[in-house]
Structure formats: C-alpha cells, structure tokens
Amino acid sequence: MKTKLLTALCALALLSTTAPTSAFADDKSLDVVADVGLVRPGCFVATIGGTALFVLILPFAAASKSVKKTAHTLVTVPAQATFTRPIGEFDSLQD
C-alpha cells in the first residue's frame, strides 16, 4: 500500500509540474507588451534617424554608386521592422 501511494504521489508531482510550463510557453503577452512598448518605438526612431542620415550621406552614396544598398540598410530595414513585422515576432530582427 505504501509503495502504491508513493508511486501515485511521484506521478502526480511530475504531471503537475509539466502542465504550467507548457501553458506558459504559449503565452506571448510579455512579448507583445515589450514589442509595442519598447521595440516598435525604438525601430521608429531608427527609421527616422536612418532617413536623416541617408539624406546627409546621399551625395557620397551617389558618388560611390551605392544608393540602393545604403537606402536599404538605413531606411528600408528599420521601416520594415517597424511597420510590417507581426507584433510580438522578434525573429526577423535577428536577420
């Protein structure tokens, strides 16, 4: 009787610890809050700053024939991270 009770208690302890972990893994609310509160405004500032920097260095980029690459790096990438990336999705920022 003691062995069965001990086995049942161990099984219950193992099953009870796995359920909250898997339920918490699906919860993306903290990612959404961090994205909307911190990352999106930061990406928006990077877009504005990149645009201003692009305008300043445009003559040099034109002279070196790298206008498209410079515009993509300074303006397009931050703008896509700000406006087209799904909320709470951080994988595209690491590329």
Foldseek 3Di string as FASTA:
>chain_A
DVVVVVVVVVVVVVVVVVVVVVVVVPDLPVLLCCCVPPVLVVLVVQQVVLVVVLVVCVVVCVVVVNNPVSCCVRHVLSVCSNPVDDRSDCPSVVD
